[in-house]
Amino acid sequence: MAVASNGSAYLVLDVAGTPCALPRAAVAEVLPLPDLHNPPAAGGWLIGFLNLGGAPVPVIDLAALLGLRPAVSAAGLYAHLVLTRAAPHAYLVDRAADLVTVPEAAIRPVEAEETLNGCVAAELVLGDRLIHALAPERLLTAQEQARVTALSQAAAERLAALPQTA
């Protein structure tokens, strides 16, 4: 993954065949897809929890969240989890494709009211491709965020109740 200077860095993603991007500053880590804990309350775009050092991290199927396809039951060979920095979330994507630097002239802001919850912050023009730059802090509505937080707390309580193993 190549990154040049003079511009803003983005992680380009394949989300159900739709090119999207997240600001590099919002991404903590990209992981291959591990086995996930799927509690009964998970469903729809919340596909389960990743146990990351004893803390449950909710995993959200980004394609299902954006309405690009129904939630997946089995991910593809190149599927990745993108862990975010600000919120303890991981997004399931079909592939984390590339890390690129986009010149400021190739970034076209999108008005927040033009997309659901303002989740698309800009359009990136890369050659002949137009890529939706997502605003990770606006992918979930306040109500969705509250529900995910409550389910994460319940998952943490269940995990804490298990006996520690050596």
C-alpha atoms as a PDB file:
ATOM      1  CA  MET A   1       0.000   0.000   0.000  1.00  0.00           C
ATOM      2  CA  ALA A   2       1.670   3.158  -1.200  1.00  0.00           C
ATOM      3  CA  VAL A   3       1.208   6.580   0.327  1.00  0.00           C
ATOM      4  CA  ALA A   4       2.520   9.743  -1.287  1.00  0.00           C
ATOM      5  CA  SER A   5       2.842  13.144   0.362  1.00  0.00           C
ATOM      6  CA  ASN A   6       0.806  16.373  -0.009  1.00  0.00           C
ATOM      7  CA  GLY A   7      -2.793  15.372   0.537  1.00  0.00           C
ATOM      8  CA  SER A   8      -5.099  13.451   2.832  1.00  0.00           C
ATOM      9  CA  ALA A   9      -4.594   9.745   3.455  1.00  0.00           C
ATOM     10  CA  TYR A  10      -7.518   7.339   3.009  1.00  0.00           C
ATOM     11  CA  LEU A  11      -7.964   3.599   3.304  1.00  0.00           C
ATOM     12  CA  VAL A  12      -9.819   2.466   0.175  1.00  0.00           C
ATOM     13  CA  LEU A  13     -12.340  -0.328   0.784  1.00  0.00           C
ATOM     14  CA  ASP A  14     -14.416  -2.661  -1.334  1.00  0.00           C
ATOM     15  CA  VAL A  15     -17.888  -2.703   0.209  1.00  0.00           C
ATOM     16  CA  ALA A  16     -20.149  -5.041  -1.780  1.00  0.00           C
ATOM     17  CA  GLY A  17     -18.500  -3.899  -5.003  1.00  0.00           C
ATOM     18  CA  THR A  18     -18.815  -0.221  -4.111  1.00  0.00           C
ATOM     19  CA  PRO A  19     -15.559   1.645  -3.587  1.00  0.00           C
ATOM     20  CA  CYS A  20     -15.586   3.530  -0.288  1.00  0.00           C
ATOM     21  CA  ALA A  21     -12.861   5.060   1.857  1.00  0.00           C
ATOM     22  CA  LEU A  22     -12.218   5.894   5.474  1.00  0.00           C
ATOM     23  CA  PRO A  23      -9.829   8.638   6.584  1.00  0.00           C
ATOM     24  CA  ARG A  24      -6.530   7.019   7.587  1.00  0.00           C
ATOM     25  CA  ALA A  25      -6.626   8.933  10.873  1.00  0.00           C
ATOM     26  CA  ALA A  26      -9.872   7.117  11.806  1.00  0.00           C
ATOM     27  CA  VAL A  27      -8.405   3.624  11.265  1.00  0.00           C
ATOM     28  CA  ALA A  28      -6.572   1.925  14.115  1.00  0.00           C
ATOM     29  CA  GLU A  29      -5.887  -1.409  12.473  1.00  0.00           C
ATOM     30  CA  VAL A  30      -6.897  -3.752   9.652  1.00  0.00           C
ATOM     31  CA  LEU A  31      -7.286  -7.421  10.568  1.00  0.00           C
ATOM     32  CA  PRO A  32      -8.114 -10.602   8.682  1.00  0.00           C
ATOM     33  CA  LEU A  33     -11.562 -11.861   9.621  1.00  0.00           C
ATOM     34  CA  PRO A  34     -11.386 -14.032  12.772  1.00  0.00           C
ATOM     35  CA  ASP A  35     -14.164 -16.123  14.314  1.00  0.00           C
ATOM     36  CA  LEU A  36     -16.715 -13.850  15.973  1.00  0.00           C
ATOM     37  CA  HIS A  37     -18.954 -14.328  19.005  1.00  0.00           C
ATOM     38  CA  ASN A  38     -22.561 -14.071  17.814  1.00  0.00           C
ATOM     39  CA  PRO A  39     -24.859 -13.498  20.795  1.00  0.00           C
ATOM     40  CA  PRO A  40     -28.608 -13.971  20.292  1.00  0.00           C
ATOM     41  CA  ALA A  41     -29.179 -10.194  20.380  1.00  0.00           C
ATOM     42  CA  ALA A  42     -26.851  -9.616  17.414  1.00  0.00           C
ATOM     43  CA  GLY A  43     -28.417  -9.592  13.994  1.00  0.00           C
ATOM     44  CA  GLY A  44     -28.856  -7.524  10.888  1.00  0.00           C
ATOM     45  CA  TRP A  45     -25.773  -5.404  10.343  1.00  0.00           C
ATOM     46  CA  LEU A  46     -24.395  -6.134  13.844  1.00  0.00           C
ATOM     47  CA  ILE A  47     -22.872  -9.511  13.031  1.00  0.00           C
ATOM     48  CA  GLY A  48     -21.167 -10.224  16.342  1.00  0.00           C
ATOM     49  CA  PHE A  49     -18.305  -9.304  18.647  1.00  0.00           C
ATOM     50  CA  LEU A  50     -14.556  -9.639  18.349  1.00  0.00           C
ATOM     51  CA  ASN A  51     -12.811 -10.534  21.605  1.00  0.00           C
ATOM     52  CA  LEU A  52      -9.889  -8.110  21.553  1.00  0.00           C
ATOM     53  CA  GLY A  53      -7.742  -8.580  24.640  1.00  0.00           C
ATOM     54  CA  GLY A  54     -10.757  -9.488  26.767  1.00  0.00           C
ATOM     55  CA  ALA A  55     -12.911  -6.603  25.536  1.00  0.00           C
ATOM     56  CA  PRO A  56     -15.820  -7.239  23.154  1.00  0.00           C
ATOM     57  CA  VAL A  57     -15.653  -5.067  20.050  1.00  0.00           C
ATOM     58  CA  PRO A  58     -18.891  -4.873  18.034  1.00  0.00           C
ATOM     59  CA  VAL A  59     -18.457  -5.897  14.397  1.00  0.00           C
ATOM     60  CA  ILE A  60     -20.674  -4.128  11.893  1.00  0.00           C
ATOM     61  CA  ASP A  61     -21.217  -5.398   8.348  1.00  0.00           C
ATOM     62  CA  LEU A  62     -20.648  -2.124   6.501  1.00  0.00           C
ATOM     63  CA  ALA A  63     -22.380  -3.313   3.313  1.00  0.00           C
ATOM     64  CA  ALA A  64     -25.540  -4.262   5.244  1.00  0.00           C
ATOM     65  CA  LEU A  65     -25.425  -1.011   7.240  1.00  0.00           C
ATOM     66  CA  LEU A  66     -25.238   1.025   4.025  1.00  0.00           C
ATOM     67  CA  GLY A  67     -28.009  -1.028   2.393  1.00  0.00           C
ATOM     68  CA  LEU A  68     -25.720  -2.438  -0.293  1.00  0.00           C
ATOM     69  CA  ARG A  69     -26.630  -6.085   0.487  1.00  0.00           C
ATOM     70  CA  PRO A  70     -28.226  -8.182   3.224  1.00  0.00           C
ATOM     71  CA  ALA A  71     -26.018  -9.048   6.202  1.00  0.00           C
ATOM     72  CA  VAL A  72     -23.541 -11.802   5.400  1.00  0.00           C
ATOM     73  CA  SER A  73     -23.445 -15.146   7.131  1.00  0.00           C
ATOM     74  CA  ALA A  74     -20.055 -16.068   5.654  1.00  0.00           C
ATOM     75  CA  ALA A  75     -17.514 -13.523   4.477  1.00  0.00           C
ATOM     76  CA  GLY A  76     -15.318 -13.853   1.419  1.00  0.00           C
ATOM     77  CA  LEU A  77     -11.717 -14.971   1.256  1.00  0.00           C
ATOM     78  CA  TYR A  78     -10.334 -11.401   1.299  1.00  0.00           C
ATOM     79  CA  ALA A  79     -12.680  -9.973   3.946  1.00  0.00           C
ATOM     80  CA  HIS A  80     -11.139  -7.668   6.530  1.00  0.00           C
ATOM     81  CA  LEU A  81     -12.120  -6.047   9.788  1.00  0.00           C
ATOM     82  CA  VAL A  82     -11.308  -2.357  10.035  1.00  0.00           C
ATOM     83  CA  LEU A  83     -10.921  -1.298  13.669  1.00  0.00           C
ATOM     84  CA  THR A  84     -11.690   2.357  14.315  1.00  0.00           C
ATOM     85  CA  ARG A  85      -9.780   4.685  16.618  1.00  0.00           C
ATOM     86  CA  ALA A  86     -12.494   6.859  18.137  1.00  0.00           C
ATOM     87  CA  ALA A  87     -15.259   4.349  18.816  1.00  0.00           C
ATOM     88  CA  PRO A  88     -14.709   0.739  19.767  1.00  0.00           C
ATOM     89  CA  HIS A  89     -16.100  -0.633  16.504  1.00  0.00           C
ATOM     90  CA  ALA A  90     -14.893  -2.875  13.747  1.00  0.00           C
ATOM     91  CA  TYR A  91     -16.352  -2.752  10.254  1.00  0.00           C
ATOM     92  CA  LEU A  92     -16.520  -5.875   8.108  1.00  0.00           C
ATOM     93  CA  VAL A  93     -15.571  -5.031   4.523  1.00  0.00           C
ATOM     94  CA  ASP A  94     -15.067  -7.252   1.505  1.00  0.00           C
ATOM     95  CA  ARG A  95     -11.523  -6.011   1.215  1.00  0.00           C
ATOM     96  CA  ALA A  96      -9.231  -3.272   2.486  1.00  0.00           C
ATOM     97  CA  ALA A  97      -7.791  -2.522  -0.943  1.00  0.00           C
ATOM     98  CA  ASP A  98      -5.225   0.257  -0.649  1.00  0.00           C
ATOM     99  CA  LEU A  99      -3.908   3.152   1.385  1.00  0.00           C
ATOM    100  CA  VAL A 100      -3.733   6.243  -0.796  1.00  0.00           C
ATOM    101  CA  THR A 101      -3.022   9.923  -0.491  1.00  0.00           C
ATOM    102  CA  VAL A 102      -5.603  12.053  -2.248  1.00  0.00           C
ATOM    103  CA  PRO A 103      -4.631  15.572  -3.370  1.00  0.00           C
ATOM    104  CA  GLU A 104      -6.853  18.222  -1.817  1.00  0.00           C
ATOM    105  CA  ALA A 105      -8.043  19.243  -5.310  1.00  0.00           C
ATOM    106  CA  ALA A 106      -9.449  15.709  -5.792  1.00  0.00           C
ATOM    107  CA  ILE A 107     -11.577  15.830  -2.617  1.00  0.00           C
ATOM    108  CA  ARG A 108     -15.099  17.164  -3.169  1.00  0.00           C
ATOM    109  CA  PRO A 109     -17.041  17.768   0.067  1.00  0.00           C
ATOM    110  CA  VAL A 110     -20.600  16.441   0.292  1.00  0.00           C
ATOM    111  CA  GLU A 111     -23.241  18.302   2.260  1.00  0.00           C
ATOM    112  CA  ALA A 112     -24.288  16.325   5.354  1.00  0.00           C
ATOM    113  CA  GLU A 113     -27.981  16.538   4.473  1.00  0.00           C
ATOM    114  CA  GLU A 114     -27.353  14.832   1.108  1.00  0.00           C
ATOM    115  CA  THR A 115     -26.687  11.419   2.721  1.00  0.00           C
ATOM    116  CA  LEU A 116     -28.251   9.420   5.546  1.00  0.00           C
ATOM    117  CA  ASN A 117     -26.988  10.908   8.819  1.00  0.00           C
ATOM    118  CA  GLY A 118     -24.266  12.681   6.791  1.00  0.00           C
ATOM    119  CA  CYS A 119     -22.314   9.424   6.551  1.00  0.00           C
ATOM    120  CA  VAL A 120     -20.621  10.400   3.269  1.00  0.00           C
ATOM    121  CA  ALA A 121     -18.294  13.330   3.934  1.00  0.00           C
ATOM    122  CA  ALA A 122     -16.705  13.695   0.509  1.00  0.00           C
ATOM    123  CA  GLU A 123     -16.235  12.236  -2.936  1.00  0.00           C
ATOM    124  CA  LEU A 124     -12.688  11.335  -3.896  1.00  0.00           C
ATOM    125  CA  VAL A 125     -11.693  11.518  -7.532  1.00  0.00           C
ATOM    126  CA  LEU A 126      -8.962   8.961  -8.203  1.00  0.00           C
ATOM    127  CA  GLY A 127      -8.282   8.677 -11.920  1.00  0.00           C
ATOM    128  CA  ASP A 128     -11.565   7.676 -13.500  1.00  0.00           C
ATOM    129  CA  ARG A 129     -13.007   6.394 -10.181  1.00  0.00           C
ATOM    130  CA  LEU A 130     -15.295   8.236  -7.808  1.00  0.00           C
ATOM    131  CA  ILE A 131     -14.991   6.943  -4.234  1.00  0.00           C
ATOM    132  CA  HIS A 132     -17.299   7.757  -1.337  1.00  0.00           C
ATOM    133  CA  ALA A 133     -15.270   8.985   1.649  1.00  0.00           C
ATOM    134  CA  LEU A 134     -17.189   7.947   4.736  1.00  0.00           C
ATOM    135  CA  ALA A 135     -17.422   9.874   7.995  1.00  0.00           C
ATOM    136  CA  PRO A 136     -16.981   7.084  10.563  1.00  0.00           C
ATOM    137  CA  GLU A 137     -18.450   9.150  13.399  1.00  0.00           C
ATOM    138  CA  ARG A 138     -21.716   9.464  11.424  1.00  0.00           C
ATOM    139  CA  LEU A 139     -22.141   5.910  10.114  1.00  0.00           C
ATOM    140  CA  LEU A 140     -24.424   5.044  13.028  1.00  0.00           C
ATOM    141  CA  THR A 141     -27.313   7.204  14.157  1.00  0.00           C
ATOM    142  CA  ALA A 142     -27.440   8.192  17.830  1.00  0.00           C
ATOM    143  CA  GLN A 143     -30.126   5.558  18.467  1.00  0.00           C
ATOM    144  CA  GLU A 144     -28.095   2.847  16.703  1.00  0.00           C
ATOM    145  CA  GLN A 145     -24.989   3.851  18.641  1.00  0.00           C
ATOM    146  CA  ALA A 146     -26.884   3.649  21.939  1.00  0.00           C
ATOM    147  CA  ARG A 147     -28.136   0.135  21.122  1.00  0.00           C
ATOM    148  CA  VAL A 148     -24.666  -1.069  20.076  1.00  0.00           C
ATOM    149  CA  THR A 149     -23.192   0.402  23.271  1.00  0.00           C
ATOM    150  CA  ALA A 150     -25.812  -1.405  25.401  1.00  0.00           C
ATOM    151  CA  LEU A 151     -25.171  -4.710  23.615  1.00  0.00           C
ATOM    152  CA  SER A 152     -21.401  -4.209  23.999  1.00  0.00           C
ATOM    153  CA  GLN A 153     -21.839  -3.627  27.732  1.00  0.00           C
ATOM    154  CA  ALA A 154     -23.927  -6.792  28.037  1.00  0.00           C
ATOM    155  CA  ALA A 155     -21.278  -8.761  26.111  1.00  0.00           C
ATOM    156  CA  ALA A 156     -18.554  -7.366  28.402  1.00  0.00           C
ATOM    157  CA  GLU A 157     -20.532  -8.406  31.499  1.00  0.00           C
ATOM    158  CA  ARG A 158     -20.989 -11.940  30.142  1.00  0.00           C
ATOM    159  CA  LEU A 159     -17.296 -12.167  29.286  1.00  0.00           C
ATOM    160  CA  ALA A 160     -16.298 -10.919  32.758  1.00  0.00           C
ATOM    161  CA  ALA A 161     -18.499 -13.571  34.387  1.00  0.00           C
ATOM    162  CA  LEU A 162     -16.501 -16.372  32.788  1.00  0.00           C
ATOM    163  CA  PRO A 163     -13.713 -17.946  34.828  1.00  0.00           C
ATOM    164  CA  GLN A 164     -10.196 -16.790  33.934  1.00  0.00           C
ATOM    165  CA  THR A 165      -8.007 -19.361  32.211  1.00  0.00           C
ATOM    166  CA  ALA A 166      -4.241 -19.552  32.573  1.00  0.00           C
END
